[in-house]
Amino acid sequence: MDEETIQKLRRYAGLLGAANAKARLTGPSDPDTLYDEHITDALAALPYLPENLSFVDVGTGGGLPGLVWCICRPAARGTLLDSIGKKIALVAEMAEELGCSNAEAVNRRSEDFARERREGFDIATARAVADARVLVEYLSPLVRAGGRLIAFKGKDANEETDLPGSKWRILGLSKPELFRYSIAGKERFLVIWEKIGPCRRRYPRKPGDAVKSPWWF
């Protein structure tokens, strides 16, 4: 990354820390900690992001990883999605202050948004949202065939993705690949699924069903 991009990411860390005083967007409020542990975490996916792509960040919270990706991929078109209006309003303010005209902040549930923009994105992502098996029901309906899903997971990633390939194909997905890395001494994983076909039309179901009635059983 060039110096201008690094400085913009540092500025984002400061804005995010200040925004935490208005609404709990992410864990710490200290800008250095936010940069070293959260923004750096979002950067782990950059090798898997083409320069010109459309993506949706589901449950974006304070804009992680979506705003980081918009800063680092200025030719990308990012939709930052969250069901909590106060959070998404703060994300929109930060995007404007950072000059991220390629970021669109949307206050919607992913289940509803998927009906409007079904399979309309190159990539869908989420960080610290849900069990990977639950998460893909939210993400897969948003991604076109030939695209991919990227999830940021912790030490339970192997357990959460331990399903046969035939199960993943219900949602039009390949068996996931796991890429291990470390942030602040903590083991982390990027979990990446390729979208190999259309997601069955019944998904996503109404809010709450993904947790109450697992699709893979």
C-alpha atoms as a PDB file:
ATOM      1  CA  MET A   1       0.000   0.000   0.000  1.00  0.00           C
ATOM      2  CA  ASP A   2       1.172   3.535  -0.660  1.00  0.00           C
ATOM      3  CA  GLU A   3       1.560   6.110   2.096  1.00  0.00           C
ATOM      4  CA  GLU A   4      -1.674   7.908   1.192  1.00  0.00           C
ATOM      5  CA  THR A   5      -3.675   4.700   1.653  1.00  0.00           C
ATOM      6  CA  ILE A   6      -1.989   3.939   4.980  1.00  0.00           C
ATOM      7  CA  GLN A   7      -2.755   7.433   6.237  1.00  0.00           C
ATOM      8  CA  LYS A   8      -6.396   7.110   5.192  1.00  0.00           C
ATOM      9  CA  LEU A   9      -6.638   3.804   7.068  1.00  0.00           C
ATOM     10  CA  ARG A  10      -5.095   5.474  10.126  1.00  0.00           C
ATOM     11  CA  ARG A  11      -7.652   8.256   9.843  1.00  0.00           C
ATOM     12  CA  TYR A  12     -10.419   5.673   9.636  1.00  0.00           C
ATOM     13  CA  ALA A  13      -9.123   4.098  12.862  1.00  0.00           C
ATOM     14  CA  GLY A  14      -9.462   7.488  14.565  1.00  0.00           C
ATOM     15  CA  LEU A  15     -12.979   8.036  13.240  1.00  0.00           C
ATOM     16  CA  LEU A  16     -14.022   4.545  14.279  1.00  0.00           C
ATOM     17  CA  GLY A  17     -12.665   5.037  17.775  1.00  0.00           C
ATOM     18  CA  ALA A  18     -14.605   8.298  18.132  1.00  0.00           C
ATOM     19  CA  ALA A  19     -17.782   6.727  16.708  1.00  0.00           C
ATOM     20  CA  ASN A  20     -17.622   4.043  19.394  1.00  0.00           C
ATOM     21  CA  ALA A  21     -18.609   6.739  21.888  1.00  0.00           C
ATOM     22  CA  LYS A  22     -21.930   7.166  20.053  1.00  0.00           C
ATOM     23  CA  ALA A  23     -22.718   3.517  19.328  1.00  0.00           C
ATOM     24  CA  ARG A  24     -20.846   0.309  20.103  1.00  0.00           C
ATOM     25  CA  LEU A  25     -19.501  -0.483  16.625  1.00  0.00           C
ATOM     26  CA  THR A  26     -16.594  -2.737  17.530  1.00  0.00           C
ATOM     27  CA  GLY A  27     -14.587  -3.744  20.585  1.00  0.00           C
ATOM     28  CA  PRO A  28     -11.853  -1.209  21.464  1.00  0.00           C
ATOM     29  CA  SER A  29     -11.893   2.559  20.971  1.00  0.00           C
ATOM     30  CA  ASP A  30      -8.130   3.146  20.952  1.00  0.00           C
ATOM     31  CA  PRO A  31      -7.097   4.015  17.344  1.00  0.00           C
ATOM     32  CA  ASP A  32      -3.798   2.101  17.521  1.00  0.00           C
ATOM     33  CA  THR A  33      -5.528  -1.046  18.738  1.00  0.00           C
ATOM     34  CA  LEU A  34      -8.242  -0.669  16.108  1.00  0.00           C
ATOM     35  CA  TYR A  35      -5.592  -0.367  13.412  1.00  0.00           C
ATOM     36  CA  ASP A  36      -3.315  -3.164  14.638  1.00  0.00           C
ATOM     37  CA  GLU A  37      -6.045  -5.722  15.413  1.00  0.00           C
ATOM     38  CA  HIS A  38      -9.130  -4.872  13.362  1.00  0.00           C
ATOM     39  CA  ILE A  39      -8.099  -2.912  10.281  1.00  0.00           C
ATOM     40  CA  THR A  40      -5.044  -5.108   9.769  1.00  0.00           C
ATOM     41  CA  ASP A  41      -7.340  -8.127  10.037  1.00  0.00           C
ATOM     42  CA  ALA A  42      -9.535  -6.760   7.230  1.00  0.00           C
ATOM     43  CA  LEU A  43      -6.402  -6.276   5.101  1.00  0.00           C
ATOM     44  CA  ALA A  44      -5.701 -10.024   5.198  1.00  0.00           C
ATOM     45  CA  ALA A  45      -8.219 -10.543   2.380  1.00  0.00           C
ATOM     46  CA  LEU A  46      -6.658  -8.068  -0.085  1.00  0.00           C
ATOM     47  CA  PRO A  47      -4.758 -10.732  -2.083  1.00  0.00           C
ATOM     48  CA  TYR A  48      -8.138 -12.303  -2.929  1.00  0.00           C
ATOM     49  CA  LEU A  49      -9.787  -9.068  -4.093  1.00  0.00           C
ATOM     50  CA  PRO A  50      -9.510  -7.914  -7.700  1.00  0.00           C
ATOM     51  CA  GLU A  51      -9.135  -4.183  -8.307  1.00  0.00           C
ATOM     52  CA  ASN A  52     -12.529  -3.771  -9.948  1.00  0.00           C
ATOM     53  CA  LEU A  53     -15.224  -5.681  -8.107  1.00  0.00           C
ATOM     54  CA  SER A  54     -18.615  -5.301  -6.489  1.00  0.00           C
ATOM     55  CA  PHE A  55     -18.967  -6.595  -2.956  1.00  0.00           C
ATOM     56  CA  VAL A  56     -21.409  -6.591  -0.061  1.00  0.00           C
ATOM     57  CA  ASP A  57     -20.303  -6.568   3.579  1.00  0.00           C
ATOM     58  CA  VAL A  58     -23.063  -8.175   5.662  1.00  0.00           C
ATOM     59  CA  GLY A  59     -23.341  -7.016   9.271  1.00  0.00           C
ATOM     60  CA  THR A  60     -20.712  -4.361   8.641  1.00  0.00           C
ATOM     61  CA  GLY A  61     -20.975  -2.868  12.149  1.00  0.00           C
ATOM     62  CA  GLY A  62     -18.398  -0.076  12.058  1.00  0.00           C
ATOM     63  CA  GLY A  63     -17.422  -0.730   8.446  1.00  0.00           C
ATOM     64  CA  LEU A  64     -15.178  -3.775   8.865  1.00  0.00           C
ATOM     65  CA  PRO A  65     -14.050  -5.056   6.482  1.00  0.00           C
ATOM     66  CA  GLY A  66     -16.089  -3.021   3.965  1.00  0.00           C
ATOM     67  CA  LEU A  67     -14.650   0.468   4.471  1.00  0.00           C
ATOM     68  CA  VAL A  68     -11.118  -0.910   4.572  1.00  0.00           C
ATOM     69  CA  TRP A  69     -11.712  -2.622   1.228  1.00  0.00           C
ATOM     70  CA  CYS A  70     -13.211   0.542  -0.289  1.00  0.00           C
ATOM     71  CA  ILE A  71     -10.139   2.521   0.789  1.00  0.00           C
ATOM     72  CA  CYS A  72      -7.697  -0.045  -0.602  1.00  0.00           C
ATOM     73  CA  ARG A  73      -9.682  -0.825  -3.776  1.00  0.00           C
ATOM     74  CA  PRO A  74     -10.902   2.585  -5.005  1.00  0.00           C
ATOM     75  CA  ALA A  75     -12.225   1.030  -8.250  1.00  0.00           C
ATOM     76  CA  ALA A  76     -14.432  -1.362  -6.244  1.00  0.00           C
ATOM     77  CA  ARG A  77     -18.106  -0.781  -5.500  1.00  0.00           C
ATOM     78  CA  GLY A  78     -18.898  -1.683  -1.909  1.00  0.00           C
ATOM     79  CA  THR A  79     -22.291  -2.070  -0.241  1.00  0.00           C
ATOM     80  CA  LEU A  80     -22.029  -1.945   3.558  1.00  0.00           C
ATOM     81  CA  LEU A  81     -25.099  -3.604   5.024  1.00  0.00           C
ATOM     82  CA  ASP A  82     -26.386  -3.564   8.592  1.00  0.00           C
ATOM     83  CA  SER A  83     -29.812  -3.948  10.190  1.00  0.00           C
ATOM     84  CA  ILE A  84     -29.097  -1.378  12.950  1.00  0.00           C
ATOM     85  CA  GLY A  85     -29.857   2.125  11.724  1.00  0.00           C
ATOM     86  CA  LYS A  86     -27.630   3.999  14.186  1.00  0.00           C
ATOM     87  CA  LYS A  87     -24.606   1.956  13.157  1.00  0.00           C
ATOM     88  CA  ILE A  88     -25.154   2.335   9.444  1.00  0.00           C
ATOM     89  CA  ALA A  89     -25.676   6.097   9.826  1.00  0.00           C
ATOM     90  CA  LEU A  90     -22.258   6.364  11.481  1.00  0.00           C
ATOM     91  CA  VAL A  91     -20.697   4.227   8.747  1.00  0.00           C
ATOM     92  CA  ALA A  92     -22.163   6.566   6.118  1.00  0.00           C
ATOM     93  CA  GLU A  93     -20.699   9.570   7.961  1.00  0.00           C
ATOM     94  CA  MET A  94     -17.252   7.961   8.123  1.00  0.00           C
ATOM     95  CA  ALA A  95     -17.355   7.008   4.446  1.00  0.00           C
ATOM     96  CA  GLU A  96     -18.171  10.611   3.531  1.00  0.00           C
ATOM     97  CA  GLU A  97     -15.403  12.019   5.727  1.00  0.00           C
ATOM     98  CA  LEU A  98     -12.915   9.593   4.179  1.00  0.00           C
ATOM     99  CA  GLY A  99     -14.008  10.458   0.647  1.00  0.00           C
ATOM    100  CA  CYS A 100     -15.126   6.891  -0.066  1.00  0.00           C
ATOM    101  CA  SER A 101     -17.612   7.634  -2.844  1.00  0.00           C
ATOM    102  CA  ASN A 102     -17.426   3.928  -3.773  1.00  0.00           C
ATOM    103  CA  ALA A 103     -19.074   2.908  -0.462  1.00  0.00           C
ATOM    104  CA  GLU A 104     -22.850   2.661  -0.132  1.00  0.00           C
ATOM    105  CA  ALA A 105     -24.248   2.274   3.396  1.00  0.00           C
ATOM    106  CA  VAL A 106     -27.564   0.382   3.501  1.00  0.00           C
ATOM    107  CA  ASN A 107     -29.831  -0.176   6.505  1.00  0.00           C
ATOM    108  CA  ARG A 108     -31.456  -3.540   5.706  1.00  0.00           C
ATOM    109  CA  ARG A 109     -31.606  -7.104   6.960  1.00  0.00           C
ATOM    110  CA  SER A 110     -29.586  -9.344   4.669  1.00  0.00           C
ATOM    111  CA  GLU A 111     -32.564 -11.683   4.152  1.00  0.00           C
ATOM    112  CA  ASP A 112     -34.642  -8.815   2.746  1.00  0.00           C
ATOM    113  CA  PHE A 113     -31.787  -7.254   0.786  1.00  0.00           C
ATOM    114  CA  ALA A 114     -31.057 -10.584  -0.931  1.00  0.00           C
ATOM    115  CA  ARG A 115     -34.530 -10.533  -2.466  1.00  0.00           C
ATOM    116  CA  GLU A 116     -33.787  -7.124  -4.015  1.00  0.00           C
ATOM    117  CA  ARG A 117     -30.209  -7.748  -5.177  1.00  0.00           C
ATOM    118  CA  ARG A 118     -30.176 -11.516  -5.568  1.00  0.00           C
ATOM    119  CA  GLU A 119     -26.881 -12.864  -6.923  1.00  0.00           C
ATOM    120  CA  GLY A 120     -25.849  -9.335  -7.867  1.00  0.00           C
ATOM    121  CA  PHE A 121     -22.358  -9.163  -6.316  1.00  0.00           C
ATOM    122  CA  ASP A 122     -18.912 -10.558  -7.101  1.00  0.00           C
ATOM    123  CA  ILE A 123     -18.097 -11.103  -3.423  1.00  0.00           C
ATOM    124  CA  ALA A 124     -20.025 -11.248  -0.155  1.00  0.00           C
ATOM    125  CA  THR A 125     -18.157 -11.013   3.119  1.00  0.00           C
ATOM    126  CA  ALA A 126     -18.741 -10.888   6.861  1.00  0.00           C
ATOM    127  CA  ARG A 127     -16.584 -10.554   9.939  1.00  0.00           C
ATOM    128  CA  ALA A 128     -17.599 -11.733  13.409  1.00  0.00           C
ATOM    129  CA  VAL A 129     -21.251 -12.288  12.446  1.00  0.00           C
ATOM    130  CA  ALA A 130     -22.208 -15.968  12.903  1.00  0.00           C
ATOM    131  CA  ASP A 131     -21.171 -19.604  12.687  1.00  0.00           C
ATOM    132  CA  ALA A 132     -19.813 -20.154   9.168  1.00  0.00           C
ATOM    133  CA  ARG A 133     -22.562 -22.643   8.327  1.00  0.00           C
ATOM    134  CA  VAL A 134     -25.250 -20.136   9.316  1.00  0.00           C
ATOM    135  CA  LEU A 135     -23.419 -17.274   7.661  1.00  0.00           C
ATOM    136  CA  VAL A 136     -23.393 -18.801   4.188  1.00  0.00           C
ATOM    137  CA  GLU A 137     -27.210 -18.826   4.088  1.00  0.00           C
ATOM    138  CA  TYR A 138     -27.032 -15.032   4.346  1.00  0.00           C
ATOM    139  CA  LEU A 139     -24.134 -14.592   1.921  1.00  0.00           C
ATOM    140  CA  SER A 140     -24.641 -17.086  -0.894  1.00  0.00           C
ATOM    141  CA  PRO A 141     -27.924 -15.646  -2.246  1.00  0.00           C
ATOM    142  CA  LEU A 142     -26.135 -12.323  -2.765  1.00  0.00           C
ATOM    143  CA  VAL A 143     -23.284 -13.657  -4.943  1.00  0.00           C
ATOM    144  CA  ARG A 144     -23.338 -14.386  -8.659  1.00  0.00           C
ATOM    145  CA  ALA A 145     -22.129 -17.710 -10.034  1.00  0.00           C
ATOM    146  CA  GLY A 146     -18.373 -17.408 -10.503  1.00  0.00           C
ATOM    147  CA  GLY A 147     -18.020 -15.131  -7.475  1.00  0.00           C
ATOM    148  CA  ARG A 148     -16.931 -16.007  -3.960  1.00  0.00           C
ATOM    149  CA  LEU A 149     -17.766 -15.760  -0.280  1.00  0.00           C
ATOM    150  CA  ILE A 150     -15.124 -14.622   2.204  1.00  0.00           C
ATOM    151  CA  ALA A 151     -15.575 -15.044   5.953  1.00  0.00           C
ATOM    152  CA  PHE A 152     -13.210 -13.948   8.730  1.00  0.00           C
ATOM    153  CA  LYS A 153     -13.143 -16.629  11.406  1.00  0.00           C
ATOM    154  CA  GLY A 154     -11.283 -17.554  14.562  1.00  0.00           C
ATOM    155  CA  LYS A 155      -9.946 -20.806  15.966  1.00  0.00           C
ATOM    156  CA  ASP A 156     -13.245 -22.689  15.431  1.00  0.00           C
ATOM    157  CA  ALA A 157     -13.096 -22.304  11.643  1.00  0.00           C
ATOM    158  CA  ASN A 158     -12.249 -25.966  10.994  1.00  0.00           C
ATOM    159  CA  GLU A 159     -15.127 -27.199  13.139  1.00  0.00           C
ATOM    160  CA  GLU A 160     -17.604 -24.767  11.554  1.00  0.00           C
ATOM    161  CA  THR A 161     -16.722 -25.853   8.012  1.00  0.00           C
ATOM    162  CA  ASP A 162     -16.602 -29.608   8.539  1.00  0.00           C
ATOM    163  CA  LEU A 163     -19.298 -30.598   6.034  1.00  0.00           C
ATOM    164  CA  PRO A 164     -19.099 -32.787   2.919  1.00  0.00           C
ATOM    165  CA  GLY A 165     -18.975 -31.036  -0.438  1.00  0.00           C
ATOM    166  CA  SER A 166     -22.443 -32.270  -1.344  1.00  0.00           C
ATOM    167  CA  LYS A 167     -23.918 -30.208   1.505  1.00  0.00           C
ATOM    168  CA  TRP A 168     -22.284 -26.958   0.376  1.00  0.00           C
ATOM    169  CA  ARG A 169     -23.668 -27.456  -3.123  1.00  0.00           C
ATOM    170  CA  ILE A 170     -27.193 -26.962  -1.718  1.00  0.00           C
ATOM    171  CA  LEU A 171     -26.262 -23.280  -1.557  1.00  0.00           C
ATOM    172  CA  GLY A 172     -24.346 -23.348  -4.844  1.00  0.00           C
ATOM    173  CA  LEU A 173     -20.962 -23.411  -3.132  1.00  0.00           C
ATOM    174  CA  SER A 174     -17.698 -25.282  -3.392  1.00  0.00           C
ATOM    175  CA  LYS A 175     -16.158 -26.916  -0.347  1.00  0.00           C
ATOM    176  CA  PRO A 176     -14.393 -24.061   1.463  1.00  0.00           C
ATOM    177  CA  GLU A 177     -10.686 -23.384   1.580  1.00  0.00           C
ATOM    178  CA  LEU A 178      -9.140 -22.159   4.824  1.00  0.00           C
ATOM    179  CA  PHE A 179      -6.183 -19.773   4.908  1.00  0.00           C
ATOM    180  CA  ARG A 180      -4.475 -19.391   8.279  1.00  0.00           C
ATOM    181  CA  TYR A 181      -2.866 -16.170   9.472  1.00  0.00           C
ATOM    182  CA  SER A 182      -2.107 -14.423  12.764  1.00  0.00           C
ATOM    183  CA  ILE A 183      -3.158 -11.025  14.130  1.00  0.00           C
ATOM    184  CA  ALA A 184      -1.737  -9.756  17.420  1.00  0.00           C
ATOM    185  CA  GLY A 185      -0.645 -13.290  18.262  1.00  0.00           C
ATOM    186  CA  LYS A 186      -4.119 -14.747  17.691  1.00  0.00           C
ATOM    187  CA  GLU A 187      -4.827 -17.504  15.181  1.00  0.00           C
ATOM    188  CA  ARG A 188      -7.237 -16.386  12.465  1.00  0.00           C
ATOM    189  CA  PHE A 189      -8.621 -17.895   9.267  1.00  0.00           C
ATOM    190  CA  LEU A 190     -10.006 -16.622   6.010  1.00  0.00           C
ATOM    191  CA  VAL A 191     -12.652 -19.064   4.828  1.00  0.00           C
ATOM    192  CA  ILE A 192     -13.331 -18.814   1.090  1.00  0.00           C
ATOM    193  CA  TRP A 193     -16.061 -20.525  -0.904  1.00  0.00           C
ATOM    194  CA  GLU A 194     -16.361 -20.330  -4.685  1.00  0.00           C
ATOM    195  CA  LYS A 195     -19.898 -19.800  -6.002  1.00  0.00           C
ATOM    196  CA  ILE A 196     -20.131 -22.664  -8.472  1.00  0.00           C
ATOM    197  CA  GLY A 197     -23.854 -22.475  -9.242  1.00  0.00           C
ATOM    198  CA  PRO A 198     -27.096 -20.747  -8.270  1.00  0.00           C
ATOM    199  CA  CYS A 199     -28.308 -20.847  -4.684  1.00  0.00           C
ATOM    200  CA  ARG A 200     -31.622 -22.649  -4.240  1.00  0.00           C
ATOM    201  CA  ARG A 201     -34.484 -20.151  -4.381  1.00  0.00           C
ATOM    202  CA  ARG A 202     -35.771 -20.989  -0.907  1.00  0.00           C
ATOM    203  CA  TYR A 203     -32.692 -19.341   0.609  1.00  0.00           C
ATOM    204  CA  PRO A 204     -32.401 -17.071   2.462  1.00  0.00           C
ATOM    205  CA  ARG A 205     -35.387 -17.914   4.616  1.00  0.00           C
ATOM    206  CA  LYS A 206     -37.188 -15.502   6.922  1.00  0.00           C
ATOM    207  CA  PRO A 207     -35.180 -13.946   9.772  1.00  0.00           C
ATOM    208  CA  GLY A 208     -34.244 -16.417  12.496  1.00  0.00           C
ATOM    209  CA  ASP A 209     -34.732 -19.596  10.467  1.00  0.00           C
ATOM    210  CA  ALA A 210     -31.039 -19.966   9.612  1.00  0.00           C
ATOM    211  CA  VAL A 211     -30.271 -20.439  13.307  1.00  0.00           C
ATOM    212  CA  LYS A 212     -33.417 -22.300  14.401  1.00  0.00           C
ATOM    213  CA  SER A 213     -33.526 -24.762  11.493  1.00  0.00           C
ATOM    214  CA  PRO A 214     -30.017 -25.426  10.096  1.00  0.00           C
ATOM    215  CA  TRP A 215     -30.037 -25.955   6.341  1.00  0.00           C
ATOM    216  CA  TRP A 216     -27.306 -28.630   6.473  1.00  0.00           C
ATOM    217  CA  PHE A 217     -29.270 -31.129   8.619  1.00  0.00           C
END
